[in-house]
PDB file of N, CA and C in Angstrom:
ATOM      1  N   MET A   1      -1.853   6.825  34.071  1.00  0.00           N
ATOM      2  CA  MET A   1      -2.975   7.549  34.591  1.00  0.00           C
ATOM      3  C   MET A   1      -3.948   7.837  33.444  1.00  0.00           C
ATOM      4  N   MET A   2      -5.195   7.454  33.611  1.00  0.00           N
ATOM      5  CA  MET A   2      -6.226   7.681  32.601  1.00  0.00           C
ATOM      6  C   MET A   2      -6.672   9.138  32.635  1.00  0.00           C
ATOM      7  N   LYS A   3      -6.876   9.710  31.460  1.00  0.00           N
ATOM      8  CA  LYS A   3      -7.399  11.068  31.350  1.00  0.00           C
ATOM      9  C   LYS A   3      -8.675  11.013  30.532  1.00  0.00           C
ATOM     10  N   LYS A   4      -9.559  11.950  30.789  1.00  0.00           N
ATOM     11  CA  LYS A   4     -10.818  12.000  30.059  1.00  0.00           C
ATOM     12  C   LYS A   4     -10.713  13.001  28.915  1.00  0.00           C
ATOM     13  N   ILE A   5     -11.354  12.661  27.800  1.00  0.00           N
ATOM     14  CA  ILE A   5     -11.489  13.592  26.687  1.00  0.00           C
ATOM     15  C   ILE A   5     -12.967  13.699  26.345  1.00  0.00           C
ATOM     16  N   ASP A   6     -13.332  14.825  25.773  1.00  0.00           N
ATOM     17  CA  ASP A   6     -14.721  15.027  25.376  1.00  0.00           C
ATOM     18  C   ASP A   6     -14.969  14.374  24.027  1.00  0.00           C
ATOM     19  N   VAL A   7     -16.008  13.578  23.948  1.00  0.00           N
ATOM     20  CA  VAL A   7     -16.415  12.938  22.701  1.00  0.00           C
ATOM     21  C   VAL A   7     -17.833  13.383  22.397  1.00  0.00           C
ATOM     22  N   LYS A   8     -18.039  13.880  21.189  1.00  0.00           N
ATOM     23  CA  LYS A   8     -19.372  14.302  20.760  1.00  0.00           C
ATOM     24  C   LYS A   8     -19.875  13.290  19.742  1.00  0.00           C
ATOM     25  N   ILE A   9     -21.033  12.719  19.998  1.00  0.00           N
ATOM     26  CA  ILE A   9     -21.633  11.780  19.054  1.00  0.00           C
ATOM     27  C   ILE A   9     -22.425  12.597  18.042  1.00  0.00           C
ATOM     28  N   LEU A  10     -21.972  12.581  16.795  1.00  0.00           N
ATOM     29  CA  LEU A  10     -22.593  13.358  15.731  1.00  0.00           C
ATOM     30  C   LEU A  10     -23.762  12.620  15.088  1.00  0.00           C
ATOM     31  N   ASP A  11     -23.703  11.310  15.081  1.00  0.00           N
ATOM     32  CA  ASP A  11     -24.744  10.490  14.464  1.00  0.00           C
ATOM     33  C   ASP A  11     -25.438   9.699  15.562  1.00  0.00           C
ATOM     34  N   PRO A  12     -26.745   9.875  15.750  1.00  0.00           N
ATOM     35  CA  PRO A  12     -27.450   9.198  16.846  1.00  0.00           C
ATOM     36  C   PRO A  12     -27.449   7.672  16.748  1.00  0.00           C
ATOM     37  N   ARG A  13     -27.041   7.127  15.619  1.00  0.00           N
ATOM     38  CA  ARG A  13     -26.978   5.666  15.471  1.00  0.00           C
ATOM     39  C   ARG A  13     -25.748   5.063  16.146  1.00  0.00           C
ATOM     40  N   VAL A  14     -24.752   5.919  16.448  1.00  0.00           N
ATOM     41  CA  VAL A  14     -23.543   5.435  17.124  1.00  0.00           C
ATOM     42  C   VAL A  14     -23.921   5.007  18.536  1.00  0.00           C
ATOM     43  N   GLY A  15     -23.520   3.801  18.890  1.00  0.00           N
ATOM     44  CA  GLY A  15     -23.874   3.230  20.189  1.00  0.00           C
ATOM     45  C   GLY A  15     -25.124   2.373  20.112  1.00  0.00           C
ATOM     46  N   LYS A  16     -25.827   2.458  18.988  1.00  0.00           N
ATOM     47  CA  LYS A  16     -27.027   1.642  18.775  1.00  0.00           C
ATOM     48  C   LYS A  16     -26.812   0.734  17.564  1.00  0.00           C
ATOM     49  N   GLU A  17     -26.847   1.318  16.365  1.00  0.00           N
ATOM     50  CA  GLU A  17     -26.623   0.548  15.138  1.00  0.00           C
ATOM     51  C   GLU A  17     -25.135   0.350  14.849  1.00  0.00           C
ATOM     52  N   PHE A  18     -24.335   1.336  15.232  1.00  0.00           N
ATOM     53  CA  PHE A  18     -22.890   1.280  15.037  1.00  0.00           C
ATOM     54  C   PHE A  18     -22.232   1.277  16.411  1.00  0.00           C
ATOM     55  N   PRO A  19     -21.304   0.338  16.659  1.00  0.00           N
ATOM     56  CA  PRO A  19     -20.706   0.259  17.998  1.00  0.00           C
ATOM     57  C   PRO A  19     -19.816   1.451  18.326  1.00  0.00           C
ATOM     58  N   LEU A  20     -19.784   1.793  19.599  1.00  0.00           N
ATOM     59  CA  LEU A  20     -18.828   2.783  20.083  1.00  0.00           C
ATOM     60  C   LEU A  20     -17.421   2.210  19.942  1.00  0.00           C
ATOM     61  N   PRO A  21     -16.397   3.054  19.833  1.00  0.00           N
ATOM     62  CA  PRO A  21     -15.030   2.536  19.786  1.00  0.00           C
ATOM     63  C   PRO A  21     -14.732   1.689  21.029  1.00  0.00           C
ATOM     64  N   THR A  22     -14.067   0.559  20.819  1.00  0.00           N
ATOM     65  CA  THR A  22     -13.755  -0.358  21.912  1.00  0.00           C
ATOM     66  C   THR A  22     -12.340  -0.907  21.752  1.00  0.00           C
ATOM     67  N   TYR A  23     -11.774  -1.359  22.870  1.00  0.00           N
ATOM     68  CA  TYR A  23     -10.511  -2.091  22.837  1.00  0.00           C
ATOM     69  C   TYR A  23     -10.823  -3.534  22.462  1.00  0.00           C
ATOM     70  N   ALA A  24     -10.160  -4.058  21.432  1.00  0.00           N
ATOM     71  CA  ALA A  24     -10.421  -5.425  20.980  1.00  0.00           C
ATOM     72  C   ALA A  24      -9.919  -6.460  21.979  1.00  0.00           C
ATOM     73  N   THR A  25      -8.788  -6.161  22.633  1.00  0.00           N
ATOM     74  CA  THR A  25      -8.224  -7.078  23.617  1.00  0.00           C
ATOM     75  C   THR A  25      -7.725  -6.270  24.806  1.00  0.00           C
ATOM     76  N   SER A  26      -7.431  -6.956  25.886  1.00  0.00           N
ATOM     77  CA  SER A  26      -6.945  -6.263  27.086  1.00  0.00           C
ATOM     78  C   SER A  26      -5.583  -5.611  26.858  1.00  0.00           C
ATOM     79  N   GLY A  27      -4.807  -6.088  25.897  1.00  0.00           N
ATOM     80  CA  GLY A  27      -3.496  -5.520  25.618  1.00  0.00           C
ATOM     81  C   GLY A  27      -3.485  -4.509  24.482  1.00  0.00           C
ATOM     82  N   SER A  28      -4.643  -4.145  23.973  1.00  0.00           N
ATOM     83  CA  SER A  28      -4.715  -3.211  22.847  1.00  0.00           C
ATOM     84  C   SER A  28      -4.179  -1.835  23.229  1.00  0.00           C
ATOM     85  N   ALA A  29      -3.414  -1.238  22.322  1.00  0.00           N
ATOM     86  CA  ALA A  29      -2.881   0.104  22.559  1.00  0.00           C
ATOM     87  C   ALA A  29      -3.909   1.183  22.242  1.00  0.00           C
ATOM     88  N   GLY A  30      -4.857   0.867  21.380  1.00  0.00           N
ATOM     89  CA  GLY A  30      -5.850   1.861  20.981  1.00  0.00           C
ATOM     90  C   GLY A  30      -7.215   1.234  20.782  1.00  0.00           C
ATOM     91  N   LEU A  31      -8.168   2.087  20.549  1.00  0.00           N
ATOM     92  CA  LEU A  31      -9.554   1.669  20.344  1.00  0.00           C
ATOM     93  C   LEU A  31      -9.800   1.352  18.873  1.00  0.00           C
ATOM     94  N   ASP A  32     -10.679   0.408  18.606  1.00  0.00           N
ATOM     95  CA  ASP A  32     -11.099   0.126  17.237  1.00  0.00           C
ATOM     96  C   ASP A  32     -12.263   1.042  16.897  1.00  0.00           C
ATOM     97  N   LEU A  33     -12.105   1.798  15.822  1.00  0.00           N
ATOM     98  CA  LEU A  33     -13.102   2.757  15.359  1.00  0.00           C
ATOM     99  C   LEU A  33     -13.745   2.197  14.101  1.00  0.00           C
ATOM    100  N   ARG A  34     -15.036   2.324  13.983  1.00  0.00           N
ATOM    101  CA  ARG A  34     -15.738   1.773  12.828  1.00  0.00           C
ATOM    102  C   ARG A  34     -16.365   2.875  11.986  1.00  0.00           C
ATOM    103  N   ALA A  35     -16.535   2.581  10.701  1.00  0.00           N
ATOM    104  CA  ALA A  35     -17.185   3.525   9.794  1.00  0.00           C
ATOM    105  C   ALA A  35     -18.675   3.589  10.103  1.00  0.00           C
ATOM    106  N   CYS A  36     -19.236   4.746   9.906  1.00  0.00           N
ATOM    107  CA  CYS A  36     -20.661   4.983  10.135  1.00  0.00           C
ATOM    108  C   CYS A  36     -21.282   5.266   8.761  1.00  0.00           C
ATOM    109  N   LEU A  37     -21.638   4.205   8.044  1.00  0.00           N
ATOM    110  CA  LEU A  37     -22.091   4.306   6.655  1.00  0.00           C
ATOM    111  C   LEU A  37     -23.528   3.834   6.490  1.00  0.00           C
ATOM    112  N   ASP A  38     -24.246   4.471   5.562  1.00  0.00           N
ATOM    113  CA  ASP A  38     -25.591   4.019   5.205  1.00  0.00           C
ATOM    114  C   ASP A  38     -25.533   2.876   4.199  1.00  0.00           C
ATOM    115  N   ASP A  39     -24.579   2.937   3.279  1.00  0.00           N
ATOM    116  CA  ASP A  39     -24.435   1.938   2.219  1.00  0.00           C
ATOM    117  C   ASP A  39     -22.965   1.559   2.075  1.00  0.00           C
ATOM    118  N   ALA A  40     -22.727   0.441   1.409  1.00  0.00           N
ATOM    119  CA  ALA A  40     -21.360   0.002   1.143  1.00  0.00           C
ATOM    120  C   ALA A  40     -20.660   1.020   0.248  1.00  0.00           C
ATOM    121  N   VAL A  41     -19.349   1.112   0.386  1.00  0.00           N
ATOM    122  CA  VAL A  41     -18.541   2.016  -0.430  1.00  0.00           C
ATOM    123  C   VAL A  41     -17.653   1.171  -1.326  1.00  0.00           C
ATOM    124  N   GLU A  42     -17.687   1.461  -2.615  1.00  0.00           N
ATOM    125  CA  GLU A  42     -16.817   0.773  -3.560  1.00  0.00           C
ATOM    126  C   GLU A  42     -16.001   1.832  -4.285  1.00  0.00           C
ATOM    127  N   LEU A  43     -14.697   1.640  -4.290  1.00  0.00           N
ATOM    128  CA  LEU A  43     -13.798   2.609  -4.912  1.00  0.00           C
ATOM    129  C   LEU A  43     -13.091   1.988  -6.102  1.00  0.00           C
ATOM    130  N   ALA A  44     -13.014   2.738  -7.178  1.00  0.00           N
ATOM    131  CA  ALA A  44     -12.206   2.330  -8.320  1.00  0.00           C
ATOM    132  C   ALA A  44     -10.756   2.712  -8.014  1.00  0.00           C
ATOM    133  N   PRO A  45      -9.791   2.060  -8.661  1.00  0.00           N
ATOM    134  CA  PRO A  45      -8.390   2.420  -8.427  1.00  0.00           C
ATOM    135  C   PRO A  45      -8.164   3.918  -8.625  1.00  0.00           C
ATOM    136  N   GLY A  46      -7.495   4.537  -7.668  1.00  0.00           N
ATOM    137  CA  GLY A  46      -7.201   5.960  -7.729  1.00  0.00           C
ATOM    138  C   GLY A  46      -8.272   6.855  -7.140  1.00  0.00           C
ATOM    139  N   ASP A  47      -9.455   6.320  -6.867  1.00  0.00           N
ATOM    140  CA  ASP A  47     -10.530   7.113  -6.256  1.00  0.00           C
ATOM    141  C   ASP A  47     -10.250   7.356  -4.780  1.00  0.00           C
ATOM    142  N   THR A  48     -10.828   8.420  -4.255  1.00  0.00           N
ATOM    143  CA  THR A  48     -10.762   8.700  -2.828  1.00  0.00           C
ATOM    144  C   THR A  48     -12.162   9.010  -2.325  1.00  0.00           C
ATOM    145  N   THR A  49     -12.372   8.840  -1.035  1.00  0.00           N
ATOM    146  CA  THR A  49     -13.649   9.187  -0.423  1.00  0.00           C
ATOM    147  C   THR A  49     -13.432   9.482   1.054  1.00  0.00           C
ATOM    148  N   LEU A  50     -14.328  10.242   1.619  1.00  0.00           N
ATOM    149  CA  LEU A  50     -14.324  10.470   3.060  1.00  0.00           C
ATOM    150  C   LEU A  50     -15.265   9.461   3.695  1.00  0.00           C
ATOM    151  N   VAL A  51     -14.834   8.858   4.781  1.00  0.00           N
ATOM    152  CA  VAL A  51     -15.641   7.858   5.478  1.00  0.00           C
ATOM    153  C   VAL A  51     -15.953   8.395   6.870  1.00  0.00           C
ATOM    154  N   PRO A  52     -17.217   8.665   7.157  1.00  0.00           N
ATOM    155  CA  PRO A  52     -17.567   9.232   8.462  1.00  0.00           C
ATOM    156  C   PRO A  52     -17.477   8.211   9.591  1.00  0.00           C
ATOM    157  N   THR A  53     -17.152   8.711  10.782  1.00  0.00           N
ATOM    158  CA  THR A  53     -17.132   7.860  11.975  1.00  0.00           C
ATOM    159  C   THR A  53     -18.341   8.118  12.859  1.00  0.00           C
ATOM    160  N   GLY A  54     -18.999   9.258  12.639  1.00  0.00           N
ATOM    161  CA  GLY A  54     -20.128   9.624  13.490  1.00  0.00           C
ATOM    162  C   GLY A  54     -19.709  10.241  14.808  1.00  0.00           C
ATOM    163  N   LEU A  55     -18.401  10.471  14.987  1.00  0.00           N
ATOM    164  CA  LEU A  55     -17.869  11.006  16.245  1.00  0.00           C
ATOM    165  C   LEU A  55     -16.976  12.210  15.998  1.00  0.00           C
ATOM    166  N   ALA A  56     -16.869  13.060  17.000  1.00  0.00           N
ATOM    167  CA  ALA A  56     -15.892  14.152  17.017  1.00  0.00           C
ATOM    168  C   ALA A  56     -15.277  14.164  18.408  1.00  0.00           C
ATOM    169  N   ILE A  57     -13.990  14.479  18.502  1.00  0.00           N
ATOM    170  CA  ILE A  57     -13.351  14.556  19.816  1.00  0.00           C
ATOM    171  C   ILE A  57     -12.707  15.918  19.994  1.00  0.00           C
ATOM    172  N   HIS A  58     -12.625  16.346  21.238  1.00  0.00           N
ATOM    173  CA  HIS A  58     -11.924  17.582  21.593  1.00  0.00           C
ATOM    174  C   HIS A  58     -10.957  17.240  22.719  1.00  0.00           C
ATOM    175  N   ILE A  59      -9.697  17.521  22.501  1.00  0.00           N
ATOM    176  CA  ILE A  59      -8.675  17.260  23.511  1.00  0.00           C
ATOM    177  C   ILE A  59      -8.147  18.610  23.985  1.00  0.00           C
ATOM    178  N   ALA A  60      -8.587  19.029  25.157  1.00  0.00           N
ATOM    179  CA  ALA A  60      -8.196  20.332  25.697  1.00  0.00           C
ATOM    180  C   ALA A  60      -6.781  20.321  26.270  1.00  0.00           C
ATOM    181  N   ASP A  61      -6.294  19.161  26.688  1.00  0.00           N
ATOM    182  CA  ASP A  61      -4.975  19.043  27.304  1.00  0.00           C
ATOM    183  C   ASP A  61      -3.902  19.047  26.210  1.00  0.00           C
ATOM    184  N   PRO A  62      -3.045  20.077  26.135  1.00  0.00           N
ATOM    185  CA  PRO A  62      -2.039  20.143  25.071  1.00  0.00           C
ATOM    186  C   PRO A  62      -0.960  19.066  25.173  1.00  0.00           C
ATOM    187  N   SER A  63      -0.907  18.336  26.275  1.00  0.00           N
ATOM    188  CA  SER A  63       0.087  17.269  26.400  1.00  0.00           C
ATOM    189  C   SER A  63      -0.421  15.949  25.825  1.00  0.00           C
ATOM    190  N   LEU A  64      -1.662  15.934  25.335  1.00  0.00           N
ATOM    191  CA  LEU A  64      -2.249  14.726  24.759  1.00  0.00           C
ATOM    192  C   LEU A  64      -2.459  14.895  23.260  1.00  0.00           C
ATOM    193  N   ALA A  65      -2.475  13.780  22.553  1.00  0.00           N
ATOM    194  CA  ALA A  65      -2.754  13.785  21.116  1.00  0.00           C
ATOM    195  C   ALA A  65      -3.580  12.551  20.787  1.00  0.00           C
ATOM    196  N   ALA A  66      -4.344  12.632  19.726  1.00  0.00           N
ATOM    197  CA  ALA A  66      -5.095  11.477  19.233  1.00  0.00           C
ATOM    198  C   ALA A  66      -4.615  11.182  17.822  1.00  0.00           C
ATOM    199  N   MET A  67      -4.491   9.911  17.506  1.00  0.00           N
ATOM    200  CA  MET A  67      -4.080   9.504  16.164  1.00  0.00           C
ATOM    201  C   MET A  67      -5.070   8.486  15.631  1.00  0.00           C
ATOM    202  N   MET A  68      -5.388   8.616  14.368  1.00  0.00           N
ATOM    203  CA  MET A  68      -6.205   7.617  13.704  1.00  0.00           C
ATOM    204  C   MET A  68      -5.277   6.864  12.759  1.00  0.00           C
ATOM    205  N   LEU A  69      -5.128   5.581  12.999  1.00  0.00           N
ATOM    206  CA  LEU A  69      -4.222   4.756  12.208  1.00  0.00           C
ATOM    207  C   LEU A  69      -4.999   3.603  11.588  1.00  0.00           C
ATOM    208  N   PRO A  70      -4.668   3.237  10.347  1.00  0.00           N
ATOM    209  CA  PRO A  70      -5.367   2.113   9.726  1.00  0.00           C
ATOM    210  C   PRO A  70      -4.925   0.793  10.339  1.00  0.00           C
ATOM    211  N   ARG A  71      -5.790  -0.184  10.259  1.00  0.00           N
ATOM    212  CA  ARG A  71      -5.398  -1.533  10.681  1.00  0.00           C
ATOM    213  C   ARG A  71      -4.221  -1.962   9.819  1.00  0.00           C
ATOM    214  N   SER A  72      -3.346  -2.748  10.366  1.00  0.00           N
ATOM    215  CA  SER A  72      -2.097  -3.069   9.683  1.00  0.00           C
ATOM    216  C   SER A  72      -2.294  -3.728   8.327  1.00  0.00           C
ATOM    217  N   GLY A  73      -3.332  -4.513   8.136  1.00  0.00           N
ATOM    218  CA  GLY A  73      -3.517  -5.217   6.872  1.00  0.00           C
ATOM    219  C   GLY A  73      -4.255  -4.437   5.803  1.00  0.00           C
ATOM    220  N   LEU A  74      -4.926  -3.347   6.148  1.00  0.00           N
ATOM    221  CA  LEU A  74      -5.737  -2.630   5.159  1.00  0.00           C
ATOM    222  C   LEU A  74      -4.909  -2.108   3.991  1.00  0.00           C
ATOM    223  N   GLY A  75      -3.828  -1.411   4.281  1.00  0.00           N
ATOM    224  CA  GLY A  75      -3.005  -0.869   3.211  1.00  0.00           C
ATOM    225  C   GLY A  75      -2.299  -1.951   2.428  1.00  0.00           C
ATOM    226  N   HIS A  76      -1.748  -2.914   3.128  1.00  0.00           N
ATOM    227  CA  HIS A  76      -0.985  -3.982   2.481  1.00  0.00           C
ATOM    228  C   HIS A  76      -1.871  -4.890   1.641  1.00  0.00           C
ATOM    229  N   LYS A  77      -2.977  -5.336   2.191  1.00  0.00           N
ATOM    230  CA  LYS A  77      -3.836  -6.299   1.496  1.00  0.00           C
ATOM    231  C   LYS A  77      -4.806  -5.654   0.513  1.00  0.00           C
ATOM    232  N   HIS A  78      -5.285  -4.448   0.845  1.00  0.00           N
ATOM    233  CA  HIS A  78      -6.359  -3.856   0.046  1.00  0.00           C
ATOM    234  C   HIS A  78      -6.019  -2.494  -0.544  1.00  0.00           C
ATOM    235  N   GLY A  79      -4.855  -1.932  -0.221  1.00  0.00           N
ATOM    236  CA  GLY A  79      -4.467  -0.634  -0.754  1.00  0.00           C
ATOM    237  C   GLY A  79      -5.254   0.522  -0.166  1.00  0.00           C
ATOM    238  N   ILE A  80      -5.837   0.330   1.019  1.00  0.00           N
ATOM    239  CA  ILE A  80      -6.620   1.382   1.663  1.00  0.00           C
ATOM    240  C   ILE A  80      -5.741   2.096   2.680  1.00  0.00           C
ATOM    241  N   VAL A  81      -5.597   3.399   2.511  1.00  0.00           N
ATOM    242  CA  VAL A  81      -4.786   4.196   3.430  1.00  0.00           C
ATOM    243  C   VAL A  81      -5.549   5.452   3.822  1.00  0.00           C
ATOM    244  N   LEU A  82      -5.171   6.030   4.951  1.00  0.00           N
ATOM    245  CA  LEU A  82      -5.756   7.289   5.389  1.00  0.00           C
ATOM    246  C   LEU A  82      -5.072   8.441   4.670  1.00  0.00           C
ATOM    247  N   GLY A  83      -5.839   9.473   4.360  1.00  0.00           N
ATOM    248  CA  GLY A  83      -5.286  10.622   3.663  1.00  0.00           C
ATOM    249  C   GLY A  83      -4.476  11.538   4.555  1.00  0.00           C
ATOM    250  N   ASN A  84      -4.614  11.404   5.872  1.00  0.00           N
ATOM    251  CA  ASN A  84      -3.926  12.317   6.788  1.00  0.00           C
ATOM    252  C   ASN A  84      -2.899  11.601   7.651  1.00  0.00           C
ATOM    253  N   LEU A  85      -2.234  10.596   7.106  1.00  0.00           N
ATOM    254  CA  LEU A  85      -1.232   9.867   7.885  1.00  0.00           C
ATOM    255  C   LEU A  85      -0.037  10.754   8.208  1.00  0.00           C
ATOM    256  N   VAL A  86       0.608  10.455   9.313  1.00  0.00           N
ATOM    257  CA  VAL A  86       1.803  11.187   9.724  1.00  0.00           C
ATOM    258  C   VAL A  86       2.939  10.832   8.778  1.00  0.00           C
ATOM    259  N   GLY A  87       3.710  11.837   8.379  1.00  0.00           N
ATOM    260  CA  GLY A  87       4.890  11.559   7.589  1.00  0.00           C
ATOM    261  C   GLY A  87       4.954  12.197   6.270  1.00  0.00           C
TER     262      GLY A  87
END
């Protein structure tokens, strides 16, 4: 059963210059979320940065949760990981 959540678009370019989150395939478990950046980001080893998405979500239903997970190859191939991973 599909449930609705509130999504607030923080950056007016989302949906125009930057795509809204979408399912890549019909069998996808989650949506693909993209960075909302003005310029390219280059990090030196050991550096960290915050990458905006241009979106905020509110989930009022306590039985639901949202997770942001990196693409499977990002950490392995490029050493890019999220700072708030579970575990």
